[in-house]
PDB file of N, CA and C in Angstrom:
ATOM      1  N   MET A   1     -24.734  43.684 -60.077  1.00  0.00           N
ATOM      2  CA  MET A   1     -24.584  44.938 -59.504  1.00  0.00           C
ATOM      3  C   MET A   1     -23.954  44.614 -58.389  1.00  0.00           C
ATOM      4  N   SER A   2     -23.048  45.106 -57.631  1.00  0.00           N
ATOM      5  CA  SER A   2     -22.282  44.917 -56.701  1.00  0.00           C
ATOM      6  C   SER A   2     -22.957  45.345 -55.476  1.00  0.00           C
ATOM      7  N   THR A   3     -22.879  44.618 -54.212  1.00  0.00           N
ATOM      8  CA  THR A   3     -23.384  45.021 -52.884  1.00  0.00           C
ATOM      9  C   THR A   3     -22.366  45.970 -52.006  1.00  0.00           C
ATOM     10  N   ARG A   4     -22.312  47.246 -52.071  1.00  0.00           N
ATOM     11  CA  ARG A   4     -21.226  48.150 -51.409  1.00  0.00           C
ATOM     12  C   ARG A   4     -21.671  48.379 -50.308  1.00  0.00           C
ATOM     13  N   ALA A   5     -20.519  48.589 -49.425  1.00  0.00           N
ATOM     14  CA  ALA A   5     -20.701  48.987 -48.050  1.00  0.00           C
ATOM     15  C   ALA A   5     -19.600  49.709 -47.646  1.00  0.00           C
ATOM     16  N   THR A   6     -19.839  50.493 -46.594  1.00  0.00           N
ATOM     17  CA  THR A   6     -19.072  51.352 -46.056  1.00  0.00           C
ATOM     18  C   THR A   6     -18.963  51.286 -44.314  1.00  0.00           C
ATOM     19  N   ILE A   7     -17.690  51.263 -43.773  1.00  0.00           N
ATOM     20  CA  ILE A   7     -18.011  51.047 -42.390  1.00  0.00           C
ATOM     21  C   ILE A   7     -17.186  52.262 -41.518  1.00  0.00           C
ATOM     22  N   GLN A   8     -18.247  52.747 -40.778  1.00  0.00           N
ATOM     23  CA  GLN A   8     -17.483  54.152 -40.181  1.00  0.00           C
ATOM     24  C   GLN A   8     -17.056  53.826 -38.767  1.00  0.00           C
ATOM     25  N   PHE A   9     -15.903  53.663 -38.500  1.00  0.00           N
ATOM     26  CA  PHE A   9     -14.950  53.535 -37.211  1.00  0.00           C
ATOM     27  C   PHE A   9     -15.000  54.737 -36.790  1.00  0.00           C
ATOM     28  N   ARG A  10     -15.308  55.176 -35.457  1.00  0.00           N
ATOM     29  CA  ARG A  10     -15.601  56.408 -34.979  1.00  0.00           C
ATOM     30  C   ARG A  10     -15.101  56.334 -33.364  1.00  0.00           C
ATOM     31  N   ASP A  11     -14.242  57.254 -32.606  1.00  0.00           N
ATOM     32  CA  ASP A  11     -14.071  57.198 -31.120  1.00  0.00           C
ATOM     33  C   ASP A  11     -14.291  58.571 -30.687  1.00  0.00           C
ATOM     34  N   ARG A  12     -14.249  59.118 -29.814  1.00  0.00           N
ATOM     35  CA  ARG A  12     -14.394  60.505 -29.591  1.00  0.00           C
ATOM     36  C   ARG A  12     -13.545  61.594 -30.254  1.00  0.00           C
ATOM     37  N   ASN A  13     -12.789  61.281 -30.809  1.00  0.00           N
ATOM     38  CA  ASN A  13     -11.637  62.190 -31.369  1.00  0.00           C
ATOM     39  C   ASN A  13     -11.487  61.723 -32.990  1.00  0.00           C
ATOM     40  N   ASP A  14     -11.747  60.907 -33.487  1.00  0.00           N
ATOM     41  CA  ASP A  14     -11.519  60.664 -34.947  1.00  0.00           C
ATOM     42  C   ASP A  14     -12.549  59.671 -35.560  1.00  0.00           C
ATOM     43  N   THR A  15     -12.528  59.570 -36.680  1.00  0.00           N
ATOM     44  CA  THR A  15     -13.448  59.095 -37.647  1.00  0.00           C
ATOM     45  C   THR A  15     -12.479  58.656 -38.828  1.00  0.00           C
ATOM     46  N   PHE A  16     -12.828  57.249 -39.192  1.00  0.00           N
ATOM     47  CA  PHE A  16     -12.256  56.537 -40.335  1.00  0.00           C
ATOM     48  C   PHE A  16     -13.140  55.877 -41.211  1.00  0.00           C
ATOM     49  N   TYR A  17     -13.256  55.627 -42.231  1.00  0.00           N
ATOM     50  CA  TYR A  17     -13.947  54.929 -43.259  1.00  0.00           C
ATOM     51  C   TYR A  17     -13.073  53.911 -43.952  1.00  0.00           C
ATOM     52  N   VAL A  18     -13.879  52.752 -44.009  1.00  0.00           N
ATOM     53  CA  VAL A  18     -13.320  51.443 -45.003  1.00  0.00           C
ATOM     54  C   VAL A  18     -14.458  51.261 -45.437  1.00  0.00           C
ATOM     55  N   TYR A  19     -14.157  50.887 -47.239  1.00  0.00           N
ATOM     56  CA  TYR A  19     -15.022  50.783 -48.083  1.00  0.00           C
ATOM     57  C   TYR A  19     -14.780  49.232 -48.640  1.00  0.00           C
ATOM     58  N   ARG A  20     -15.978  48.745 -48.751  1.00  0.00           N
ATOM     59  CA  ARG A  20     -16.014  47.084 -49.844  1.00  0.00           C
ATOM     60  C   ARG A  20     -16.965  47.544 -50.563  1.00  0.00           C
ATOM     61  N   HIS A  21     -16.302  47.105 -51.931  1.00  0.00           N
ATOM     62  CA  HIS A  21     -17.039  47.198 -53.137  1.00  0.00           C
ATOM     63  C   HIS A  21     -18.158  46.144 -53.371  1.00  0.00           C
ATOM     64  N   CYS A  22     -18.061  44.935 -52.990  1.00  0.00           N
ATOM     65  CA  CYS A  22     -18.861  43.990 -53.320  1.00  0.00           C
ATOM     66  C   CYS A  22     -19.185  43.031 -51.980  1.00  0.00           C
ATOM     67  N   ASP A  23     -20.035  42.259 -51.785  1.00  0.00           N
ATOM     68  CA  ASP A  23     -20.585  41.318 -50.732  1.00  0.00           C
ATOM     69  C   ASP A  23     -20.528  42.267 -49.501  1.00  0.00           C
ATOM     70  N   GLY A  24     -21.387  43.395 -49.305  1.00  0.00           N
ATOM     71  CA  GLY A  24     -21.114  44.038 -48.184  1.00  0.00           C
ATOM     72  C   GLY A  24     -22.296  43.675 -47.354  1.00  0.00           C
ATOM     73  N   PHE A  25     -23.040  42.485 -47.432  1.00  0.00           N
ATOM     74  CA  PHE A  25     -24.247  41.983 -46.759  1.00  0.00           C
ATOM     75  C   PHE A  25     -23.497  41.862 -45.069  1.00  0.00           C
ATOM     76  N   PRO A  26     -24.633  42.011 -44.255  1.00  0.00           N
ATOM     77  CA  PRO A  26     -24.325  41.813 -42.741  1.00  0.00           C
ATOM     78  C   PRO A  26     -23.971  40.511 -42.407  1.00  0.00           C
ATOM     79  N   GLU A  27     -24.184  39.727 -43.151  1.00  0.00           N
ATOM     80  CA  GLU A  27     -23.668  38.084 -42.609  1.00  0.00           C
ATOM     81  C   GLU A  27     -22.069  38.024 -43.109  1.00  0.00           C
ATOM     82  N   ILE A  28     -21.472  38.881 -43.677  1.00  0.00           N
ATOM     83  CA  ILE A  28     -20.217  38.787 -44.335  1.00  0.00           C
ATOM     84  C   ILE A  28     -19.432  40.014 -43.382  1.00  0.00           C
ATOM     85  N   ILE A  29     -20.163  41.309 -43.212  1.00  0.00           N
ATOM     86  CA  ILE A  29     -19.530  42.251 -42.847  1.00  0.00           C
ATOM     87  C   ILE A  29     -19.144  42.195 -41.393  1.00  0.00           C
ATOM     88  N   LEU A  30     -20.339  41.872 -40.628  1.00  0.00           N
ATOM     89  CA  LEU A  30     -20.350  41.750 -39.081  1.00  0.00           C
ATOM     90  C   LEU A  30     -19.871  40.970 -38.411  1.00  0.00           C
ATOM     91  N   PRO A  31     -19.536  39.690 -39.158  1.00  0.00           N
ATOM     92  CA  PRO A  31     -18.428  38.655 -38.547  1.00  0.00           C
ATOM     93  C   PRO A  31     -17.079  39.273 -38.395  1.00  0.00           C
ATOM     94  N   ASP A  32     -16.759  39.866 -39.642  1.00  0.00           N
ATOM     95  CA  ASP A  32     -15.313  40.516 -39.710  1.00  0.00           C
ATOM     96  C   ASP A  32     -15.119  41.531 -38.732  1.00  0.00           C
ATOM     97  N   ILE A  33     -16.318  42.273 -38.446  1.00  0.00           N
ATOM     98  CA  ILE A  33     -16.102  43.552 -37.678  1.00  0.00           C
ATOM     99  C   ILE A  33     -16.104  43.024 -35.793  1.00  0.00           C
ATOM    100  N   GLU A  34     -16.609  41.808 -35.505  1.00  0.00           N
ATOM    101  CA  GLU A  34     -16.752  41.087 -34.596  1.00  0.00           C
ATOM    102  C   GLU A  34     -15.316  40.567 -34.163  1.00  0.00           C
ATOM    103  N   LYS A  35     -14.735  40.045 -35.337  1.00  0.00           N
ATOM    104  CA  LYS A  35     -13.576  39.318 -35.076  1.00  0.00           C
ATOM    105  C   LYS A  35     -12.459  40.376 -34.638  1.00  0.00           C
ATOM    106  N   VAL A  36     -12.551  41.259 -35.194  1.00  0.00           N
ATOM    107  CA  VAL A  36     -11.550  42.412 -34.842  1.00  0.00           C
ATOM    108  C   VAL A  36     -11.878  43.008 -33.545  1.00  0.00           C
ATOM    109  N   ILE A  37     -12.835  43.120 -33.245  1.00  0.00           N
ATOM    110  CA  ILE A  37     -13.353  43.537 -31.920  1.00  0.00           C
ATOM    111  C   ILE A  37     -12.974  42.832 -30.960  1.00  0.00           C
ATOM    112  N   GLU A  38     -13.296  41.521 -31.134  1.00  0.00           N
ATOM    113  CA  GLU A  38     -12.715  40.358 -29.968  1.00  0.00           C
ATOM    114  C   GLU A  38     -11.399  40.294 -30.041  1.00  0.00           C
ATOM    115  N   GLN A  39     -10.497  40.135 -30.831  1.00  0.00           N
ATOM    116  CA  GLN A  39      -9.011  40.088 -30.782  1.00  0.00           C
ATOM    117  C   GLN A  39      -8.419  41.240 -30.592  1.00  0.00           C
ATOM    118  N   THR A  40      -9.060  42.522 -30.402  1.00  0.00           N
ATOM    119  CA  THR A  40      -8.272  43.711 -29.981  1.00  0.00           C
ATOM    120  C   THR A  40      -8.932  44.254 -28.588  1.00  0.00           C
ATOM    121  N   ARG A  41      -9.759  43.504 -28.147  1.00  0.00           N
ATOM    122  CA  ARG A  41     -10.285  43.670 -26.771  1.00  0.00           C
ATOM    123  C   ARG A  41      -9.404  43.607 -25.817  1.00  0.00           C
ATOM    124  N   GLY A  42      -9.250  45.035 -24.936  1.00  0.00           N
ATOM    125  CA  GLY A  42      -8.345  45.064 -23.752  1.00  0.00           C
ATOM    126  C   GLY A  42      -7.257  45.313 -24.306  1.00  0.00           C
ATOM    127  N   ARG A  43      -6.920  45.801 -25.365  1.00  0.00           N
ATOM    128  CA  ARG A  43      -5.428  46.043 -25.842  1.00  0.00           C
ATOM    129  C   ARG A  43      -5.103  47.414 -25.607  1.00  0.00           C
ATOM    130  N   TRP A  44      -6.098  48.315 -25.410  1.00  0.00           N
ATOM    131  CA  TRP A  44      -5.943  49.724 -25.206  1.00  0.00           C
ATOM    132  C   TRP A  44      -6.708  50.137 -24.222  1.00  0.00           C
ATOM    133  N   SER A  45      -6.442  50.935 -23.304  1.00  0.00           N
ATOM    134  CA  SER A  45      -7.318  51.535 -22.146  1.00  0.00           C
ATOM    135  C   SER A  45      -7.976  52.675 -22.789  1.00  0.00           C
ATOM    136  N   GLU A  46      -7.804  53.342 -23.747  1.00  0.00           N
ATOM    137  CA  GLU A  46      -8.329  54.378 -24.377  1.00  0.00           C
ATOM    138  C   GLU A  46      -9.077  53.929 -25.703  1.00  0.00           C
ATOM    139  N   PRO A  47      -9.707  54.478 -26.055  1.00  0.00           N
ATOM    140  CA  PRO A  47     -10.211  54.343 -27.567  1.00  0.00           C
ATOM    141  C   PRO A  47      -9.041  54.490 -28.563  1.00  0.00           C
ATOM    142  N   ALA A  48      -8.833  54.053 -29.311  1.00  0.00           N
ATOM    143  CA  ALA A  48      -7.979  53.953 -30.316  1.00  0.00           C
ATOM    144  C   ALA A  48      -8.121  53.840 -31.855  1.00  0.00           C
ATOM    145  N   VAL A  49      -8.891  54.558 -32.424  1.00  0.00           N
ATOM    146  CA  VAL A  49      -9.496  54.453 -33.552  1.00  0.00           C
ATOM    147  C   VAL A  49      -8.579  53.848 -34.544  1.00  0.00           C
ATOM    148  N   SER A  50      -7.675  54.691 -34.676  1.00  0.00           N
ATOM    149  CA  SER A  50      -6.810  54.376 -35.886  1.00  0.00           C
ATOM    150  C   SER A  50      -5.738  52.932 -35.631  1.00  0.00           C
ATOM    151  N   LEU A  51      -5.822  52.640 -34.282  1.00  0.00           N
ATOM    152  CA  LEU A  51      -5.250  50.969 -34.028  1.00  0.00           C
ATOM    153  C   LEU A  51      -6.388  50.088 -34.415  1.00  0.00           C
ATOM    154  N   ILE A  52      -7.668  50.331 -34.462  1.00  0.00           N
ATOM    155  CA  ILE A  52      -8.523  49.378 -34.587  1.00  0.00           C
ATOM    156  C   ILE A  52      -9.033  49.190 -36.180  1.00  0.00           C
ATOM    157  N   VAL A  53      -8.810  50.488 -36.723  1.00  0.00           N
ATOM    158  CA  VAL A  53      -9.004  50.145 -38.215  1.00  0.00           C
ATOM    159  C   VAL A  53      -7.761  49.648 -39.008  1.00  0.00           C
ATOM    160  N   THR A  54      -6.177  49.968 -38.389  1.00  0.00           N
ATOM    161  CA  THR A  54      -5.058  49.241 -38.853  1.00  0.00           C
ATOM    162  C   THR A  54      -5.091  47.441 -38.866  1.00  0.00           C
ATOM    163  N   SER A  55      -5.555  47.118 -37.653  1.00  0.00           N
ATOM    164  CA  SER A  55      -5.918  46.056 -37.271  1.00  0.00           C
ATOM    165  C   SER A  55      -6.917  45.276 -38.400  1.00  0.00           C
ATOM    166  N   PHE A  56      -7.827  46.136 -38.605  1.00  0.00           N
ATOM    167  CA  PHE A  56      -9.123  45.728 -39.265  1.00  0.00           C
ATOM    168  C   PHE A  56      -8.492  45.383 -40.753  1.00  0.00           C
ATOM    169  N   ILE A  57      -7.868  46.315 -41.176  1.00  0.00           N
ATOM    170  CA  ILE A  57      -7.351  46.194 -42.688  1.00  0.00           C
ATOM    171  C   ILE A  57      -6.300  45.053 -42.652  1.00  0.00           C
ATOM    172  N   GLY A  58      -5.442  44.889 -41.844  1.00  0.00           N
ATOM    173  CA  GLY A  58      -4.424  43.677 -41.646  1.00  0.00           C
ATOM    174  C   GLY A  58      -5.088  42.677 -41.370  1.00  0.00           C
ATOM    175  N   MET A  59      -6.109  42.548 -40.741  1.00  0.00           N
ATOM    176  CA  MET A  59      -6.599  40.992 -40.634  1.00  0.00           C
ATOM    177  C   MET A  59      -7.427  40.535 -41.804  1.00  0.00           C
ATOM    178  N   HIS A  60      -7.471  41.396 -42.674  1.00  0.00           N
ATOM    179  CA  HIS A  60      -8.295  40.854 -43.990  1.00  0.00           C
ATOM    180  C   HIS A  60      -7.525  41.281 -45.307  1.00  0.00           C
ATOM    181  N   PHE A  61      -5.982  41.320 -45.156  1.00  0.00           N
ATOM    182  CA  PHE A  61      -5.345  41.391 -46.185  1.00  0.00           C
ATOM    183  C   PHE A  61      -4.882  40.259 -46.725  1.00  0.00           C
ATOM    184  N   LYS A  62      -5.177  40.007 -48.129  1.00  0.00           N
ATOM    185  CA  LYS A  62      -4.606  38.801 -48.795  1.00  0.00           C
ATOM    186  C   LYS A  62      -3.645  39.026 -49.793  1.00  0.00           C
ATOM    187  N   PRO A  63      -2.417  38.500 -49.401  1.00  0.00           N
ATOM    188  CA  PRO A  63      -1.172  39.022 -50.149  1.00  0.00           C
ATOM    189  C   PRO A  63      -1.322  38.498 -51.822  1.00  0.00           C
ATOM    190  N   ASN A  64      -1.943  37.482 -51.896  1.00  0.00           N
ATOM    191  CA  ASN A  64      -2.031  36.682 -53.397  1.00  0.00           C
ATOM    192  C   ASN A  64      -3.208  37.300 -54.380  1.00  0.00           C
ATOM    193  N   GLU A  65      -3.861  38.098 -53.754  1.00  0.00           N
ATOM    194  CA  GLU A  65      -5.228  38.591 -54.440  1.00  0.00           C
ATOM    195  C   GLU A  65      -4.687  40.063 -54.933  1.00  0.00           C
ATOM    196  N   ARG A  66      -5.387  40.384 -56.185  1.00  0.00           N
ATOM    197  CA  ARG A  66      -5.155  41.974 -56.912  1.00  0.00           C
ATOM    198  C   ARG A  66      -5.791  42.821 -56.105  1.00  0.00           C
ATOM    199  N   LEU A  67      -7.160  42.675 -55.700  1.00  0.00           N
ATOM    200  CA  LEU A  67      -7.753  43.402 -55.110  1.00  0.00           C
ATOM    201  C   LEU A  67      -8.205  43.111 -53.521  1.00  0.00           C
ATOM    202  N   PRO A  68      -7.988  44.075 -52.619  1.00  0.00           N
ATOM    203  CA  PRO A  68      -8.340  43.928 -51.243  1.00  0.00           C
ATOM    204  C   PRO A  68     -10.099  43.849 -51.182  1.00  0.00           C
ATOM    205  N   ASP A  69     -10.349  42.864 -50.011  1.00  0.00           N
ATOM    206  CA  ASP A  69     -11.782  43.073 -49.580  1.00  0.00           C
ATOM    207  C   ASP A  69     -12.108  44.553 -49.260  1.00  0.00           C
ATOM    208  N   TYR A  70     -11.326  44.941 -48.378  1.00  0.00           N
ATOM    209  CA  TYR A  70     -11.582  46.538 -47.926  1.00  0.00           C
ATOM    210  C   TYR A  70     -10.595  47.293 -48.272  1.00  0.00           C
ATOM    211  N   GLU A  71     -10.940  48.537 -48.307  1.00  0.00           N
ATOM    212  CA  GLU A  71      -9.800  49.774 -48.494  1.00  0.00           C
ATOM    213  C   GLU A  71     -10.082  51.047 -47.875  1.00  0.00           C
ATOM    214  N   ILE A  72      -9.509  51.923 -47.553  1.00  0.00           N
ATOM    215  CA  ILE A  72      -9.814  53.012 -46.506  1.00  0.00           C
ATOM    216  C   ILE A  72     -10.272  53.877 -47.652  1.00  0.00           C
ATOM    217  N   THR A  73     -11.009  54.578 -47.189  1.00  0.00           N
ATOM    218  CA  THR A  73     -12.055  55.581 -48.211  1.00  0.00           C
ATOM    219  C   THR A  73     -12.010  57.095 -47.521  1.00  0.00           C
ATOM    220  N   SER A  74     -12.425  58.041 -47.810  1.00  0.00           N
ATOM    221  CA  SER A  74     -12.662  59.325 -47.215  1.00  0.00           C
ATOM    222  C   SER A  74     -14.090  59.806 -46.419  1.00  0.00           C
ATOM    223  N   GLY A  75     -15.012  58.871 -46.850  1.00  0.00           N
ATOM    224  CA  GLY A  75     -16.474  58.700 -46.217  1.00  0.00           C
ATOM    225  C   GLY A  75     -17.368  57.893 -46.812  1.00  0.00           C
ATOM    226  N   PHE A  76     -18.679  58.519 -46.589  1.00  0.00           N
ATOM    227  CA  PHE A  76     -19.540  57.489 -47.217  1.00  0.00           C
ATOM    228  C   PHE A  76     -19.814  57.925 -48.674  1.00  0.00           C
ATOM    229  N   HIS A  77     -19.953  57.063 -49.793  1.00  0.00           N
ATOM    230  CA  HIS A  77     -19.744  57.232 -51.370  1.00  0.00           C
ATOM    231  C   HIS A  77     -21.190  57.405 -51.314  1.00  0.00           C
ATOM    232  N   GLY A  78     -22.279  57.008 -50.727  1.00  0.00           N
ATOM    233  CA  GLY A  78     -23.877  57.445 -51.091  1.00  0.00           C
ATOM    234  C   GLY A  78     -24.538  56.350 -52.053  1.00  0.00           C
ATOM    235  N   ASP A  79     -23.721  55.293 -52.410  1.00  0.00           N
ATOM    236  CA  ASP A  79     -24.338  54.217 -53.221  1.00  0.00           C
ATOM    237  C   ASP A  79     -24.230  53.267 -52.475  1.00  0.00           C
ATOM    238  N   GLU A  80     -24.037  53.266 -51.280  1.00  0.00           N
ATOM    239  CA  GLU A  80     -23.844  51.866 -50.526  1.00  0.00           C
ATOM    240  C   GLU A  80     -25.380  51.077 -50.039  1.00  0.00           C
ATOM    241  N   SER A  81     -25.437  49.902 -50.139  1.00  0.00           N
ATOM    242  CA  SER A  81     -26.668  49.004 -49.970  1.00  0.00           C
ATOM    243  C   SER A  81     -26.510  49.024 -48.295  1.00  0.00           C
ATOM    244  N   TYR A  82     -25.364  49.140 -47.835  1.00  0.00           N
ATOM    245  CA  TYR A  82     -25.264  49.280 -46.261  1.00  0.00           C
ATOM    246  C   TYR A  82     -24.055  50.005 -45.879  1.00  0.00           C
ATOM    247  N   ARG A  83     -24.683  50.561 -44.391  1.00  0.00           N
ATOM    248  CA  ARG A  83     -23.660  51.303 -43.705  1.00  0.00           C
ATOM    249  C   ARG A  83     -23.426  50.659 -42.466  1.00  0.00           C
ATOM    250  N   TYR A  84     -21.962  50.820 -41.866  1.00  0.00           N
ATOM    251  CA  TYR A  84     -21.712  50.198 -40.759  1.00  0.00           C
ATOM    252  C   TYR A  84     -21.497  51.231 -39.872  1.00  0.00           C
ATOM    253  N   LEU A  85     -21.517  50.965 -38.345  1.00  0.00           N
ATOM    254  CA  LEU A  85     -20.853  52.011 -37.354  1.00  0.00           C
ATOM    255  C   LEU A  85     -20.130  51.262 -36.240  1.00  0.00           C
ATOM    256  N   VAL A  86     -18.979  51.506 -36.446  1.00  0.00           N
ATOM    257  CA  VAL A  86     -18.042  50.968 -35.185  1.00  0.00           C
ATOM    258  C   VAL A  86     -17.786  51.717 -34.423  1.00  0.00           C
ATOM    259  N   LYS A  87     -18.307  51.999 -33.237  1.00  0.00           N
ATOM    260  CA  LYS A  87     -17.758  52.829 -32.297  1.00  0.00           C
ATOM    261  C   LYS A  87     -17.566  52.550 -30.842  1.00  0.00           C
ATOM    262  N   TRP A  88     -16.797  53.354 -30.344  1.00  0.00           N
ATOM    263  CA  TRP A  88     -16.050  53.293 -28.953  1.00  0.00           C
ATOM    264  C   TRP A  88     -17.314  53.857 -27.734  1.00  0.00           C
ATOM    265  N   ASP A  89     -17.653  52.912 -27.015  1.00  0.00           N
ATOM    266  CA  ASP A  89     -18.795  53.095 -26.059  1.00  0.00           C
ATOM    267  C   ASP A  89     -17.974  53.433 -24.845  1.00  0.00           C
ATOM    268  N   ALA A  90     -17.908  54.674 -24.199  1.00  0.00           N
ATOM    269  CA  ALA A  90     -16.965  55.251 -23.163  1.00  0.00           C
ATOM    270  C   ALA A  90     -17.504  54.672 -21.894  1.00  0.00           C
ATOM    271  N   ASP A  91     -18.707  54.449 -21.717  1.00  0.00           N
ATOM    272  CA  ASP A  91     -19.172  53.837 -20.476  1.00  0.00           C
ATOM    273  C   ASP A  91     -18.850  52.768 -20.217  1.00  0.00           C
ATOM    274  N   ALA A  92     -19.122  51.795 -21.377  1.00  0.00           N
ATOM    275  CA  ALA A  92     -18.869  50.327 -21.193  1.00  0.00           C
ATOM    276  C   ALA A  92     -17.342  49.938 -21.423  1.00  0.00           C
ATOM    277  N   LYS A  93     -16.571  50.992 -22.093  1.00  0.00           N
ATOM    278  CA  LYS A  93     -15.314  50.949 -22.570  1.00  0.00           C
ATOM    279  C   LYS A  93     -14.880  49.671 -23.331  1.00  0.00           C
ATOM    280  N   LYS A  94     -15.655  49.730 -24.452  1.00  0.00           N
ATOM    281  CA  LYS A  94     -15.693  48.852 -25.484  1.00  0.00           C
ATOM    282  C   LYS A  94     -15.934  48.981 -26.772  1.00  0.00           C
ATOM    283  N   TRP A  95     -15.851  48.468 -27.766  1.00  0.00           N
ATOM    284  CA  TRP A  95     -16.090  48.735 -29.094  1.00  0.00           C
ATOM    285  C   TRP A  95     -17.707  48.045 -29.440  1.00  0.00           C
ATOM    286  N   THR A  96     -18.531  48.916 -30.050  1.00  0.00           N
ATOM    287  CA  THR A  96     -19.671  48.401 -30.500  1.00  0.00           C
ATOM    288  C   THR A  96     -19.642  48.380 -32.247  1.00  0.00           C
ATOM    289  N   ALA A  97     -20.645  47.773 -32.399  1.00  0.00           N
ATOM    290  CA  ALA A  97     -21.181  47.652 -33.857  1.00  0.00           C
ATOM    291  C   ALA A  97     -22.442  47.634 -34.285  1.00  0.00           C
ATOM    292  N   GLN A  98     -23.270  48.294 -35.417  1.00  0.00           N
ATOM    293  CA  GLN A  98     -24.370  48.328 -35.708  1.00  0.00           C
ATOM    294  C   GLN A  98     -24.378  48.553 -37.133  1.00  0.00           C
ATOM    295  N   VAL A  99     -25.323  48.373 -37.633  1.00  0.00           N
ATOM    296  CA  VAL A  99     -25.939  48.256 -39.217  1.00  0.00           C
ATOM    297  C   VAL A  99     -26.891  49.027 -39.589  1.00  0.00           C
ATOM    298  N   GLY A 100     -27.155  49.798 -40.593  1.00  0.00           N
ATOM    299  CA  GLY A 100     -28.097  50.574 -40.835  1.00  0.00           C
ATOM    300  C   GLY A 100     -27.989  51.313 -42.102  1.00  0.00           C
ATOM    301  N   THR A 101     -28.832  51.641 -42.907  1.00  0.00           N
ATOM    302  CA  THR A 101     -28.675  52.663 -44.177  1.00  0.00           C
ATOM    303  C   THR A 101     -28.376  54.182 -43.759  1.00  0.00           C
ATOM    304  N   ASP A 102     -28.992  54.506 -42.466  1.00  0.00           N
ATOM    305  CA  ASP A 102     -29.032  56.239 -42.023  1.00  0.00           C
ATOM    306  C   ASP A 102     -28.013  56.548 -41.040  1.00  0.00           C
ATOM    307  N   LEU A 103     -27.027  55.596 -41.219  1.00  0.00           N
ATOM    308  CA  LEU A 103     -25.936  55.977 -39.981  1.00  0.00           C
ATOM    309  C   LEU A 103     -24.878  57.105 -40.475  1.00  0.00           C
TER     310      LEU A 103
END
């Protein structure tokens, strides 16, 4: 059985979802999220959720593999083992991440 996961990226204007079919464990997903947060820190003065999602997908694209680790999706699927939320903290002016099943 696959360990599915969906990451919800959200700012005050938009929401995007990224799906991972297998290996959705926090020890795999959270470092990937932290990597994109760190590498994009300070690049935009306002939240730019579409740009951070584009960066996230691009960072994990492997051109020689048939299936990607991550793909854009339309929302939560309902069969995830894990759900992640990456959201813009307007007060701190930074992206934050959390994991849970009830996001």
